[in-house]
Amino acid sequence: MRIGITGVTGLIGRAFGTLAAAHGHEVIGFSRNPSRVKLPFVREVRPINDGAAMPLDASGIEVLVHLAGEPVLGLWTAKKKQRIHDSRVEFTQRLARSLAAASPRPKALICASATGYYGDRADEVLDESSSPGDDFLARVCVEWEAAAQRAEQVSIRVVRLRTGVVLANEGGAFKLMRLAFSNLVGGKLGSGEQWMPWIHLQDEARLILWAVEHQEFSGQINAVSLEPVKNKDFARRLGRALNRPAFMPAPAFAMKLVLGEMAGAMLASQRVMPNVAQALGFQFDYPTLDSALQALIASAPER
């Protein structure tokens, strides 16, 4: 199968592209800087033109996996929030036009989304049928998914992946958390009572490939593990796995003082379950936090 990937140089893009190629698929990468893409699993690189009404050429691609977007981490200035919104919503709207215009047209669009869709929900158990939240990230996710669903108007299958915190040595939040604990400044965030949905990078890549290959499925799917944990428990278990204490909490007031509105997203509680993946028979390699942490620590490069 010919699979296109936007965000091919990102953490998830690299992991998924490597896995797809290993399974015999042909990977076409899309990039704003095609000459800089030097990845062994990419057979072809096509450009992204940000300013164009149709920003890429998806002709001849059977499935497009859309993973690109402005990083959420960082101080949420008005300009940063606009970039977060536009890189997901406005760009995906134009991407849907590109898919409709392609000849031959892709059969499927697998579009990233996030568990931020659900907002801050305390202890409520959430699945794919749960209603969305109403904070900034939730509203972005709702619009983002709606933009992707425009492709359904031309009979393109659409899957929306609501991903939690991706655990990986190569980058993302886990790399920062591990560094903090290794330097004896790790601990819970705020009260630590907030639920934290997570997934190992390997399972994230496998779930995306599952969505690509199972052509009968469309709709939303929570890309999270079987075991959501409270932030305080995550900190305790990470500290134990690293043989480091978890005694340096980050108070909520201090986080809000330094990070502003973004702190609210880090303190939001989302007890998200992967009910659709379970019902459809997907098997997680790392269903529990302890199994994921053990694998990550065992495979981490020497410092």
Protein backbone atom coordinates (compact mmCIF):
# COMPACT_ATOMS: atom_id res chain seq x y z
CA MET A 1 0.00 0.00 0.00
CA ARG A 2 1.24 3.53 -0.75
CA ILE A 3 0.96 5.54 2.47
CA GLY A 4 1.55 9.29 2.69
CA ILE A 5 2.56 10.88 5.99
CA THR A 6 2.46 14.55 6.98
CA GLY A 7 4.64 15.21 10.03
CA VAL A 8 6.88 12.40 8.83
CA THR A 9 9.94 13.78 10.68
CA GLY A 10 8.11 14.07 14.00
CA LEU A 11 8.20 11.60 16.88
CA ILE A 12 5.08 9.67 15.86
CA GLY A 13 5.70 10.10 12.12
CA ARG A 14 9.13 8.47 12.33
CA ALA A 15 7.87 5.57 14.45
CA PHE A 16 4.87 4.92 12.24
CA GLY A 17 6.82 5.30 8.99
CA THR A 18 9.45 2.82 10.17
CA LEU A 19 6.75 0.32 11.15
CA ALA A 20 4.78 0.75 7.91
CA ALA A 21 7.87 0.19 5.78
CA ALA A 22 8.78 -2.89 7.82
CA HIS A 23 5.32 -4.26 6.99
CA GLY A 24 5.96 -3.86 3.28
CA HIS A 25 4.19 -0.57 2.64
CA GLU A 26 5.64 2.20 0.48
CA VAL A 27 6.00 5.43 2.47
CA ILE A 28 5.71 8.88 0.87
CA GLY A 29 6.67 11.74 3.16
CA PHE A 30 5.28 15.27 2.97
CA SER A 31 7.42 18.15 4.22
CA ARG A 32 7.76 21.91 4.04
CA ASN A 33 11.49 21.30 3.53
CA PRO A 34 11.70 18.19 1.31
CA SER A 35 15.48 18.44 0.84
CA ARG A 36 15.97 18.01 4.60
CA VAL A 37 14.06 14.74 4.85
CA LYS A 38 16.69 12.00 5.08
CA LEU A 39 14.83 9.01 6.46
CA PRO A 40 15.64 5.45 5.36
CA PHE A 41 12.00 4.33 5.28
CA VAL A 42 10.81 7.15 2.97
CA ARG A 43 10.66 6.19 -0.72
CA GLU A 44 9.57 9.62 -1.98
CA VAL A 45 9.25 13.12 -0.52
CA ARG A 46 6.64 15.59 -1.73
CA PRO A 47 6.44 19.28 -0.78
CA ILE A 48 3.86 21.03 1.38
CA ASN A 49 2.96 24.53 0.25
CA ASP A 50 1.51 26.27 3.30
CA GLY A 51 0.15 29.22 1.35
CA ALA A 52 -1.71 27.24 -1.30
CA ALA A 53 -5.44 26.53 -1.37
CA MET A 54 -4.49 22.88 -1.89
CA PRO A 55 -1.20 22.48 0.00
CA LEU A 56 -0.08 19.06 -1.25
CA ASP A 57 -0.41 16.54 -4.06
CA ALA A 58 -1.91 13.28 -2.76
CA SER A 59 -2.38 11.70 -6.19
CA GLY A 60 -1.72 7.98 -6.25
CA ILE A 61 -1.56 7.63 -2.47
CA GLU A 62 -3.94 5.05 -1.03
CA VAL A 63 -3.96 6.34 2.56
CA LEU A 64 -2.85 9.68 3.97
CA VAL A 65 -1.81 9.73 7.64
CA HIS A 66 -2.01 13.34 8.80
CA LEU A 67 0.19 13.97 11.87
CA ALA A 68 1.47 17.52 11.29
CA GLY A 69 0.67 20.43 13.60
CA GLU A 70 2.14 23.24 15.68
CA PRO A 71 3.56 21.85 18.97
CA VAL A 72 1.24 22.46 21.91
CA LEU A 73 4.10 22.81 24.41
CA GLY A 74 5.17 26.39 24.96
CA LEU A 75 3.79 29.64 26.29
CA TRP A 76 0.31 30.18 24.88
CA THR A 77 0.51 33.70 23.58
CA ALA A 78 -2.26 34.88 21.26
CA LYS A 79 0.00 34.16 18.27
CA LYS A 80 0.92 30.69 19.58
CA LYS A 81 -2.74 29.79 20.05
CA GLN A 82 -3.52 30.99 16.54
CA ARG A 83 -0.74 28.78 15.15
CA ILE A 84 -2.06 25.80 17.14
CA HIS A 85 -5.53 26.39 15.72
CA ASP A 86 -4.58 27.16 12.13
CA SER A 87 -2.05 24.33 11.76
CA ARG A 88 -4.77 21.86 12.74
CA VAL A 89 -8.10 23.28 11.65
CA GLU A 90 -7.41 25.59 8.73
CA PHE A 91 -4.66 23.40 7.29
CA THR A 92 -6.78 20.24 7.57
CA GLN A 93 -9.63 21.99 5.76
CA ARG A 94 -7.30 22.72 2.85
CA LEU A 95 -5.85 19.23 3.10
CA ALA A 96 -9.34 17.80 2.55
CA ARG A 97 -9.57 19.84 -0.66
CA SER A 98 -6.24 18.39 -1.79
CA LEU A 99 -7.53 14.86 -1.24
CA ALA A 100 -10.73 15.58 -3.16
CA ALA A 101 -8.73 16.96 -6.10
CA ALA A 102 -6.19 14.10 -6.23
CA SER A 103 -6.25 11.69 -9.15
CA PRO A 104 -6.45 8.92 -8.30
CA ARG A 105 -7.90 9.90 -4.95
CA PRO A 106 -6.79 8.37 -1.61
CA LYS A 107 -9.19 5.87 -0.11
CA ALA A 108 -8.61 6.90 3.50
CA LEU A 109 -7.48 9.74 5.75
CA ILE A 110 -6.13 8.84 9.18
CA CYS A 111 -6.07 12.15 11.05
CA ALA A 112 -4.45 12.89 14.38
CA SER A 113 -6.54 14.38 17.16
CA ALA A 114 -6.02 14.35 20.93
CA THR A 115 -7.63 13.38 24.21
CA GLY A 116 -7.77 17.14 24.76
CA TYR A 117 -11.08 16.72 22.89
CA TYR A 118 -12.71 15.76 26.20
CA GLY A 119 -11.56 18.75 28.27
CA ASP A 120 -11.14 18.62 32.06
CA ARG A 121 -13.54 15.91 33.33
CA ALA A 122 -12.37 15.01 36.88
CA ASP A 123 -13.06 11.30 37.58
CA GLU A 124 -15.57 10.73 34.77
CA VAL A 125 -14.75 7.65 32.69
CA LEU A 126 -14.54 8.72 29.05
CA ASP A 127 -14.82 6.71 25.85
CA GLU A 128 -15.23 7.52 22.17
CA SER A 129 -18.94 8.30 22.63
CA SER A 130 -18.34 10.92 25.36
CA SER A 131 -19.15 14.55 24.65
CA PRO A 132 -16.39 17.11 24.01
CA GLY A 133 -15.13 19.67 26.48
CA ASP A 134 -15.28 23.44 26.07
CA ASP A 135 -11.77 24.74 26.73
CA PHE A 136 -9.33 25.96 24.07
CA LEU A 137 -7.82 22.58 23.20
CA ALA A 138 -11.19 20.84 23.23
CA ARG A 139 -12.64 23.38 20.80
CA VAL A 140 -9.59 23.03 18.54
CA CYS A 141 -9.97 19.22 18.53
CA VAL A 142 -13.68 19.45 17.68
CA GLU A 143 -12.97 21.75 14.74
CA TRP A 144 -9.94 19.68 13.72
CA GLU A 145 -11.98 16.48 13.52
CA ALA A 146 -14.77 18.26 11.66
CA ALA A 147 -12.23 19.52 9.11
CA ALA A 148 -10.97 15.97 8.55
CA GLN A 149 -14.51 14.66 8.14
CA ARG A 150 -14.96 16.91 5.10
CA ALA A 151 -13.09 14.22 3.18
CA GLU A 152 -16.07 11.92 3.73
CA GLN A 153 -18.03 14.08 1.29
CA VAL A 154 -16.03 12.49 -1.55
CA SER A 155 -16.28 8.96 -0.11
CA ILE A 156 -12.89 8.95 1.64
CA ARG A 157 -12.80 6.85 4.80
CA VAL A 158 -11.84 9.01 7.80
CA VAL A 159 -10.40 7.84 11.12
CA ARG A 160 -9.75 10.33 13.96
CA LEU A 161 -7.09 9.26 16.47
CA ARG A 162 -7.51 10.86 19.89
CA THR A 163 -4.03 10.38 21.30
CA GLY A 164 -2.98 10.72 24.92
CA VAL A 165 0.52 11.43 26.26
CA VAL A 166 2.93 9.43 24.09
CA LEU A 167 5.71 7.78 26.09
CA ALA A 168 9.00 7.58 24.19
CA ASN A 169 12.70 7.96 24.88
CA GLU A 170 13.16 9.82 21.60
CA GLY A 171 11.18 12.92 22.52
CA GLY A 172 7.93 14.37 23.82
CA ALA A 173 6.80 14.78 27.41
CA PHE A 174 8.32 11.53 28.72
CA LYS A 175 11.84 12.55 27.75
CA LEU A 176 11.43 15.77 29.75
CA MET A 177 9.89 13.96 32.72
CA ARG A 178 12.65 11.37 32.79
CA LEU A 179 15.28 14.11 32.68
CA ALA A 180 13.63 15.85 35.64
CA PHE A 181 13.56 12.68 37.72
CA SER A 182 17.13 11.79 36.78
CA ASN A 183 18.17 15.19 38.13
CA LEU A 184 16.17 14.72 41.36
CA VAL A 185 13.58 17.39 40.54
CA GLY A 186 10.72 15.10 39.52
CA GLY A 187 7.31 14.94 41.09
CA LYS A 188 3.57 15.31 40.61
CA LEU A 189 1.98 18.27 38.82
CA GLY A 190 -0.39 20.31 40.94
CA SER A 191 -2.45 18.10 43.26
CA GLY A 192 -1.55 15.04 41.19
CA GLU A 193 -5.19 13.93 41.34
CA GLN A 194 -5.77 14.49 37.63
CA TRP A 195 -6.11 11.43 35.41
CA MET A 196 -3.46 11.05 32.73
CA PRO A 197 -4.17 9.07 29.53
CA TRP A 198 -0.98 7.71 27.99
CA ILE A 199 0.26 5.30 25.31
CA HIS A 200 3.66 3.79 24.51
CA LEU A 201 5.06 5.05 21.18
CA GLN A 202 5.20 1.51 19.80
CA ASP A 203 1.49 0.96 20.49
CA GLU A 204 0.68 4.36 18.97
CA ALA A 205 2.45 3.40 15.74
CA ARG A 206 0.82 -0.05 15.73
CA LEU A 207 -2.65 1.42 16.27
CA ILE A 208 -2.18 3.83 13.36
CA LEU A 209 -1.10 0.93 11.14
CA TRP A 210 -4.11 -1.03 12.35
CA ALA A 211 -6.38 1.88 11.29
CA VAL A 212 -4.65 2.01 7.90
CA GLU A 213 -4.98 -1.70 7.19
CA HIS A 214 -8.52 -2.26 8.54
CA GLN A 215 -10.42 -0.68 5.70
CA GLU A 216 -13.81 -1.50 7.23
CA PHE A 217 -13.30 0.93 10.14
CA SER A 218 -14.05 4.65 10.23
CA GLY A 219 -14.77 7.08 13.04
CA GLN A 220 -13.04 8.10 16.25
CA ILE A 221 -10.68 5.92 18.26
CA ASN A 222 -8.91 6.68 21.55
CA ALA A 223 -5.18 6.03 21.17
CA VAL A 224 -4.55 5.43 24.87
CA SER A 225 -3.49 2.49 27.00
CA LEU A 226 -5.75 0.24 29.04
CA GLU A 227 -4.55 1.83 32.29
CA PRO A 228 -5.06 5.57 32.73
CA VAL A 229 -3.36 6.68 35.93
CA LYS A 230 -3.48 9.68 38.19
CA ASN A 231 -0.55 12.04 37.73
CA LYS A 232 0.68 11.44 41.30
CA ASP A 233 0.75 7.68 40.62
CA PHE A 234 2.59 8.19 37.35
CA ALA A 235 5.22 10.26 39.15
CA ARG A 236 5.58 7.70 41.95
CA ARG A 237 5.94 4.76 39.56
CA LEU A 238 8.35 6.58 37.25
CA GLY A 239 10.49 7.51 40.24
CA ARG A 240 10.45 3.92 41.46
CA ALA A 241 11.41 2.60 38.00
CA LEU A 242 14.32 5.06 37.83
CA ASN A 243 15.25 4.53 41.47
CA ARG A 244 14.74 8.24 42.05
CA PRO A 245 12.51 10.05 44.57
CA ALA A 246 9.35 11.86 43.46
CA PHE A 247 9.40 14.60 46.08
CA MET A 248 9.53 17.80 43.99
CA PRO A 249 5.94 18.64 43.05
CA ALA A 250 5.15 21.53 40.75
CA PRO A 251 2.43 23.55 42.53
CA ALA A 252 -0.53 24.53 40.35
CA PHE A 253 -0.18 28.22 41.18
CA ALA A 254 3.48 28.22 40.13
CA MET A 255 2.68 26.40 36.88
CA LYS A 256 -0.01 28.93 36.05
CA LEU A 257 2.33 31.80 36.90
CA VAL A 258 5.05 30.48 34.58
CA LEU A 259 3.03 28.78 31.84
CA GLY A 260 -0.21 30.74 31.88
CA GLU A 261 -3.17 29.13 30.11
CA MET A 262 -1.16 26.09 29.01
CA ALA A 263 -0.86 25.01 32.64
CA GLY A 264 -4.59 24.32 32.60
CA ALA A 265 -4.09 21.74 29.85
CA MET A 266 -1.31 20.05 31.85
CA LEU A 267 -3.52 19.92 34.96
CA ALA A 268 -6.66 18.73 33.15
CA SER A 269 -8.08 15.36 34.23
CA GLN A 270 -9.02 12.90 31.47
CA ARG A 271 -9.83 9.33 32.45
CA VAL A 272 -9.94 8.05 28.88
CA MET A 273 -10.43 4.40 27.90
CA PRO A 274 -9.69 2.74 24.52
CA ASN A 275 -13.09 1.05 24.23
CA VAL A 276 -13.19 0.99 20.43
CA ALA A 277 -9.70 -0.51 20.11
CA GLN A 278 -10.60 -3.17 22.68
CA ALA A 279 -13.91 -4.00 21.01
CA LEU A 280 -12.20 -4.40 17.65
CA GLY A 281 -9.57 -6.76 19.03
CA PHE A 282 -6.46 -4.56 19.05
CA GLN A 283 -3.81 -6.03 21.34
CA PHE A 284 -1.56 -3.59 23.21
CA ASP A 285 2.09 -4.51 23.61
CA TYR A 286 2.21 -2.26 26.70
CA PRO A 287 -1.22 -2.32 28.38
CA THR A 288 0.08 -1.28 31.82
CA LEU A 289 2.21 1.64 32.91
CA ASP A 290 4.78 -0.55 34.65
CA SER A 291 5.34 -2.63 31.50
CA ALA A 292 5.76 0.54 29.42
CA LEU A 293 8.17 2.16 31.87
CA GLN A 294 10.28 -0.99 32.18
CA ALA A 295 10.60 -1.25 28.40
CA LEU A 296 11.46 2.43 27.99
CA ILE A 297 14.10 2.43 30.69
CA ALA A 298 15.64 -0.82 29.42
CA SER A 299 15.89 0.57 25.86
CA ALA A 300 17.01 4.10 26.74
CA PRO A 301 20.38 5.16 25.30
CA GLU A 302 23.19 5.66 27.75
CA ARG A 303 23.54 9.27 28.86
